[in-house]
Amino acid sequence: MTRTLKVKGSPSGIKAGTKVRGIRLVDGADGHDIDCRIDGFGAMQLKSSVVKKA
């Protein structure tokens, strides 16, 4: 079973294990406290509860 992270406004999600670049910690609204860039997807904000250090 492949786990995916649903992305608002996108028909496809992000698969578990996808690597991100340009990680910055920010004081974001609504619990989104990481700014990052995902290859093939673009810039987005993530919650720290959904990421794992590789």
PDB file of N, CA and C in Angstrom:
ATOM      1  N   MET A   1       0.839  -1.174   0.000  1.00  0.00           N
ATOM      2  CA  MET A   1       0.000   0.000   0.000  1.00  0.00           C
ATOM      3  C   MET A   1       0.891   1.247   0.000  1.00  0.00           C
ATOM      4  N   THR A   2       0.689   2.107  -0.955  1.00  0.00           N
ATOM      5  CA  THR A   2       1.464   3.337  -1.050  1.00  0.00           C
ATOM      6  C   THR A   2       0.753   4.448  -0.315  1.00  0.00           C
ATOM      7  N   ARG A   3       1.461   5.107   0.593  1.00  0.00           N
ATOM      8  CA  ARG A   3       0.866   6.225   1.321  1.00  0.00           C
ATOM      9  C   ARG A   3       1.155   7.511   0.572  1.00  0.00           C
ATOM     10  N   THR A   4       0.142   8.355   0.475  1.00  0.00           N
ATOM     11  CA  THR A   4       0.321   9.641  -0.179  1.00  0.00           C
ATOM     12  C   THR A   4      -0.193  10.743   0.724  1.00  0.00           C
ATOM     13  N   LEU A   5       0.377  11.913   0.549  1.00  0.00           N
ATOM     14  CA  LEU A   5      -0.048  13.101   1.275  1.00  0.00           C
ATOM     15  C   LEU A   5      -0.930  13.903   0.331  1.00  0.00           C
ATOM     16  N   LYS A   6      -2.174  14.098   0.700  1.00  0.00           N
ATOM     17  CA  LYS A   6      -3.086  14.848  -0.145  1.00  0.00           C
ATOM     18  C   LYS A   6      -2.674  16.311  -0.164  1.00  0.00           C
ATOM     19  N   VAL A   7      -2.765  16.907  -1.353  1.00  0.00           N
ATOM     20  CA  VAL A   7      -2.383  18.301  -1.525  1.00  0.00           C
ATOM     21  C   VAL A   7      -3.604  19.066  -2.012  1.00  0.00           C
ATOM     22  N   LYS A   8      -3.956  20.092  -1.281  1.00  0.00           N
ATOM     23  CA  LYS A   8      -5.122  20.893  -1.629  1.00  0.00           C
ATOM     24  C   LYS A   8      -4.884  21.595  -2.969  1.00  0.00           C
ATOM     25  N   GLY A   9      -5.837  21.471  -3.892  1.00  0.00           N
ATOM     26  CA  GLY A   9      -5.728  22.119  -5.183  1.00  0.00           C
ATOM     27  C   GLY A   9      -4.964  21.324  -6.227  1.00  0.00           C
ATOM     28  N   SER A  10      -4.606  20.092  -5.911  1.00  0.00           N
ATOM     29  CA  SER A  10      -3.877  19.257  -6.857  1.00  0.00           C
ATOM     30  C   SER A  10      -4.561  17.898  -6.965  1.00  0.00           C
ATOM     31  N   PRO A  11      -4.722  17.391  -8.186  1.00  0.00           N
ATOM     32  CA  PRO A  11      -5.389  16.084  -8.333  1.00  0.00           C
ATOM     33  C   PRO A  11      -4.561  14.921  -7.800  1.00  0.00           C
ATOM     34  N   SER A  12      -3.240  15.064  -7.806  1.00  0.00           N
ATOM     35  CA  SER A  12      -2.391  13.987  -7.300  1.00  0.00           C
ATOM     36  C   SER A  12      -1.745  14.415  -5.990  1.00  0.00           C
ATOM     37  N   GLY A  13      -1.402  13.457  -5.180  1.00  0.00           N
ATOM     38  CA  GLY A  13      -0.741  13.744  -3.914  1.00  0.00           C
ATOM     39  C   GLY A  13       0.756  13.568  -4.036  1.00  0.00           C
ATOM     40  N   ILE A  14       1.421  13.621  -2.902  1.00  0.00           N
ATOM     41  CA  ILE A  14       2.864  13.412  -2.850  1.00  0.00           C
ATOM     42  C   ILE A  14       3.118  12.076  -2.170  1.00  0.00           C
ATOM     43  N   LYS A  15       3.871  11.214  -2.827  1.00  0.00           N
ATOM     44  CA  LYS A  15       4.127   9.882  -2.290  1.00  0.00           C
ATOM     45  C   LYS A  15       5.065   9.935  -1.099  1.00  0.00           C
ATOM     46  N   ALA A  16       4.910   9.003  -0.197  1.00  0.00           N
ATOM     47  CA  ALA A  16       5.803   8.885   0.955  1.00  0.00           C
ATOM     48  C   ALA A  16       7.212   8.600   0.457  1.00  0.00           C
ATOM     49  N   GLY A  17       8.188   9.266   1.028  1.00  0.00           N
ATOM     50  CA  GLY A  17       9.575   9.077   0.648  1.00  0.00           C
ATOM     51  C   GLY A  17      10.082  10.094  -0.362  1.00  0.00           C
ATOM     52  N   THR A  18       9.220  11.022  -0.783  1.00  0.00           N
ATOM     53  CA  THR A  18       9.632  12.059  -1.726  1.00  0.00           C
ATOM     54  C   THR A  18      10.602  13.013  -1.046  1.00  0.00           C
ATOM     55  N   LYS A  19      11.710  13.283  -1.700  1.00  0.00           N
ATOM     56  CA  LYS A  19      12.713  14.171  -1.126  1.00  0.00           C
ATOM     57  C   LYS A  19      12.379  15.618  -1.448  1.00  0.00           C
ATOM     58  N   VAL A  20      12.653  16.503  -0.502  1.00  0.00           N
ATOM     59  CA  VAL A  20      12.413  17.931  -0.697  1.00  0.00           C
ATOM     60  C   VAL A  20      13.729  18.677  -0.601  1.00  0.00           C
ATOM     61  N   ARG A  21      13.782  19.863  -1.226  1.00  0.00           N
ATOM     62  CA  ARG A  21      14.984  20.688  -1.209  1.00  0.00           C
ATOM     63  C   ARG A  21      14.637  22.050  -0.641  1.00  0.00           C
ATOM     64  N   GLY A  22      15.639  22.802  -0.265  1.00  0.00           N
ATOM     65  CA  GLY A  22      15.448  24.176   0.176  1.00  0.00           C
ATOM     66  C   GLY A  22      14.579  24.293   1.409  1.00  0.00           C
ATOM     67  N   ILE A  23      14.835  23.487   2.404  1.00  0.00           N
ATOM     68  CA  ILE A  23      14.013  23.471   3.610  1.00  0.00           C
ATOM     69  C   ILE A  23      14.338  24.672   4.487  1.00  0.00           C
ATOM     70  N   ARG A  24      13.283  25.393   4.896  1.00  0.00           N
ATOM     71  CA  ARG A  24      13.428  26.521   5.817  1.00  0.00           C
ATOM     72  C   ARG A  24      12.336  26.421   6.868  1.00  0.00           C
ATOM     73  N   LEU A  25      12.702  26.661   8.110  1.00  0.00           N
ATOM     74  CA  LEU A  25      11.722  26.701   9.186  1.00  0.00           C
ATOM     75  C   LEU A  25      11.164  28.114   9.283  1.00  0.00           C
ATOM     76  N   VAL A  26       9.838  28.224   9.343  1.00  0.00           N
ATOM     77  CA  VAL A  26       9.174  29.527   9.392  1.00  0.00           C
ATOM     78  C   VAL A  26       8.062  29.480  10.435  1.00  0.00           C
ATOM     79  N   ASP A  27       7.600  30.654  10.824  1.00  0.00           N
ATOM     80  CA  ASP A  27       6.425  30.747  11.683  1.00  0.00           C
ATOM     81  C   ASP A  27       5.206  30.844  10.788  1.00  0.00           C
ATOM     82  N   GLY A  28       4.720  29.708  10.346  1.00  0.00           N
ATOM     83  CA  GLY A  28       3.594  29.696   9.424  1.00  0.00           C
ATOM     84  C   GLY A  28       2.267  29.651  10.146  1.00  0.00           C
ATOM     85  N   ALA A  29       1.242  29.968   9.417  1.00  0.00           N
ATOM     86  CA  ALA A  29      -0.106  29.928   9.970  1.00  0.00           C
ATOM     87  C   ALA A  29      -0.667  28.511   9.868  1.00  0.00           C
ATOM     88  N   ASP A  30      -1.558  28.182  10.757  1.00  0.00           N
ATOM     89  CA  ASP A  30      -2.295  26.914  10.713  1.00  0.00           C
ATOM     90  C   ASP A  30      -1.397  25.688  10.842  1.00  0.00           C
ATOM     91  N   GLY A  31      -0.257  25.831  11.521  1.00  0.00           N
ATOM     92  CA  GLY A  31       0.606  24.687  11.775  1.00  0.00           C
ATOM     93  C   GLY A  31       1.595  24.354  10.673  1.00  0.00           C
ATOM     94  N   HIS A  32       1.559  25.074   9.553  1.00  0.00           N
ATOM     95  CA  HIS A  32       2.510  24.837   8.470  1.00  0.00           C
ATOM     96  C   HIS A  32       3.779  25.607   8.786  1.00  0.00           C
ATOM     97  N   ASP A  33       4.791  24.890   9.273  1.00  0.00           N
ATOM     98  CA  ASP A  33       5.984  25.572   9.749  1.00  0.00           C
ATOM     99  C   ASP A  33       7.256  25.239   8.974  1.00  0.00           C
ATOM    100  N   ILE A  34       7.120  24.630   7.795  1.00  0.00           N
ATOM    101  CA  ILE A  34       8.273  24.326   6.959  1.00  0.00           C
ATOM    102  C   ILE A  34       7.990  24.805   5.535  1.00  0.00           C
ATOM    103  N   ASP A  35       8.868  25.645   4.994  1.00  0.00           N
ATOM    104  CA  ASP A  35       8.826  26.027   3.582  1.00  0.00           C
ATOM    105  C   ASP A  35       9.810  25.129   2.857  1.00  0.00           C
ATOM    106  N   CYS A  36       9.407  24.581   1.718  1.00  0.00           N
ATOM    107  CA  CYS A  36      10.315  23.712   0.980  1.00  0.00           C
ATOM    108  C   CYS A  36       9.980  23.747  -0.504  1.00  0.00           C
ATOM    109  N   ARG A  37      10.816  23.069  -1.273  1.00  0.00           N
ATOM    110  CA  ARG A  37      10.628  22.970  -2.714  1.00  0.00           C
ATOM    111  C   ARG A  37      10.673  21.492  -3.071  1.00  0.00           C
ATOM    112  N   ILE A  38       9.693  21.038  -3.853  1.00  0.00           N
ATOM    113  CA  ILE A  38       9.627  19.645  -4.263  1.00  0.00           C
ATOM    114  C   ILE A  38       9.798  19.582  -5.773  1.00  0.00           C
ATOM    115  N   ASP A  39      10.743  18.763  -6.243  1.00  0.00           N
ATOM    116  CA  ASP A  39      10.995  18.629  -7.678  1.00  0.00           C
ATOM    117  C   ASP A  39       9.740  18.143  -8.393  1.00  0.00           C
ATOM    118  N   GLY A  40       9.382  18.822  -9.463  1.00  0.00           N
ATOM    119  CA  GLY A  40       8.216  18.436 -10.237  1.00  0.00           C
ATOM    120  C   GLY A  40       6.902  18.897  -9.644  1.00  0.00           C
ATOM    121  N   PHE A  41       6.958  19.558  -8.505  1.00  0.00           N
ATOM    122  CA  PHE A  41       5.733  19.992  -7.840  1.00  0.00           C
ATOM    123  C   PHE A  41       5.754  21.477  -7.537  1.00  0.00           C
ATOM    124  N   GLY A  42       6.899  21.986  -7.096  1.00  0.00           N
ATOM    125  CA  GLY A  42       7.030  23.405  -6.803  1.00  0.00           C
ATOM    126  C   GLY A  42       7.180  23.681  -5.321  1.00  0.00           C
ATOM    127  N   ALA A  43       7.037  24.959  -4.981  1.00  0.00           N
ATOM    128  CA  ALA A  43       7.190  25.381  -3.592  1.00  0.00           C
ATOM    129  C   ALA A  43       5.909  25.100  -2.820  1.00  0.00           C
ATOM    130  N   MET A  44       6.071  24.723  -1.577  1.00  0.00           N
ATOM    131  CA  MET A  44       4.902  24.490  -0.732  1.00  0.00           C
ATOM    132  C   MET A  44       5.275  24.572   0.735  1.00  0.00           C
ATOM    133  N   GLN A  45       4.278  24.580   1.578  1.00  0.00           N
ATOM    134  CA  GLN A  45       4.468  24.595   3.025  1.00  0.00           C
ATOM    135  C   GLN A  45       3.985  23.271   3.588  1.00  0.00           C
ATOM    136  N   LEU A  46       4.739  22.745   4.542  1.00  0.00           N
ATOM    137  CA  LEU A  46       4.409  21.464   5.164  1.00  0.00           C
ATOM    138  C   LEU A  46       4.303  21.621   6.672  1.00  0.00           C
ATOM    139  N   LYS A  47       3.604  20.683   7.272  1.00  0.00           N
ATOM    140  CA  LYS A  47       3.575  20.603   8.734  1.00  0.00           C
ATOM    141  C   LYS A  47       4.718  19.695   9.154  1.00  0.00           C
ATOM    142  N   SER A  48       5.327  20.015  10.270  1.00  0.00           N
ATOM    143  CA  SER A  48       6.467  19.225  10.723  1.00  0.00           C
ATOM    144  C   SER A  48       6.037  17.819  11.137  1.00  0.00           C
ATOM    145  N   SER A  49       4.752  17.599  11.360  1.00  0.00           N
ATOM    146  CA  SER A  49       4.277  16.282  11.765  1.00  0.00           C
ATOM    147  C   SER A  49       4.272  15.284  10.609  1.00  0.00           C
ATOM    148  N   VAL A  50       4.419  15.754   9.363  1.00  0.00           N
ATOM    149  CA  VAL A  50       4.364  14.840   8.216  1.00  0.00           C
ATOM    150  C   VAL A  50       5.728  14.606   7.579  1.00  0.00           C
ATOM    151  N   VAL A  51       6.789  15.153   8.156  1.00  0.00           N
ATOM    152  CA  VAL A  51       8.121  14.972   7.579  1.00  0.00           C
ATOM    153  C   VAL A  51       8.981  14.091   8.479  1.00  0.00           C
ATOM    154  N   LYS A  52      10.011  13.512   7.862  1.00  0.00           N
ATOM    155  CA  LYS A  52      10.935  12.655   8.584  1.00  0.00           C
ATOM    156  C   LYS A  52      12.332  12.921   8.059  1.00  0.00           C
ATOM    157  N   LYS A  53      13.273  13.041   8.946  1.00  0.00           N
ATOM    158  CA  LYS A  53      14.657  13.272   8.549  1.00  0.00           C
ATOM    159  C   LYS A  53      15.205  11.994   7.918  1.00  0.00           C
ATOM    160  N   ALA A  54      15.850  12.139   6.777  1.00  0.00           N
ATOM    161  CA  ALA A  54      16.391  10.965   6.066  1.00  0.00           C
ATOM    162  C   ALA A  54      17.754  10.587   6.580  1.00  0.00           C
TER     163      ALA A  54
END
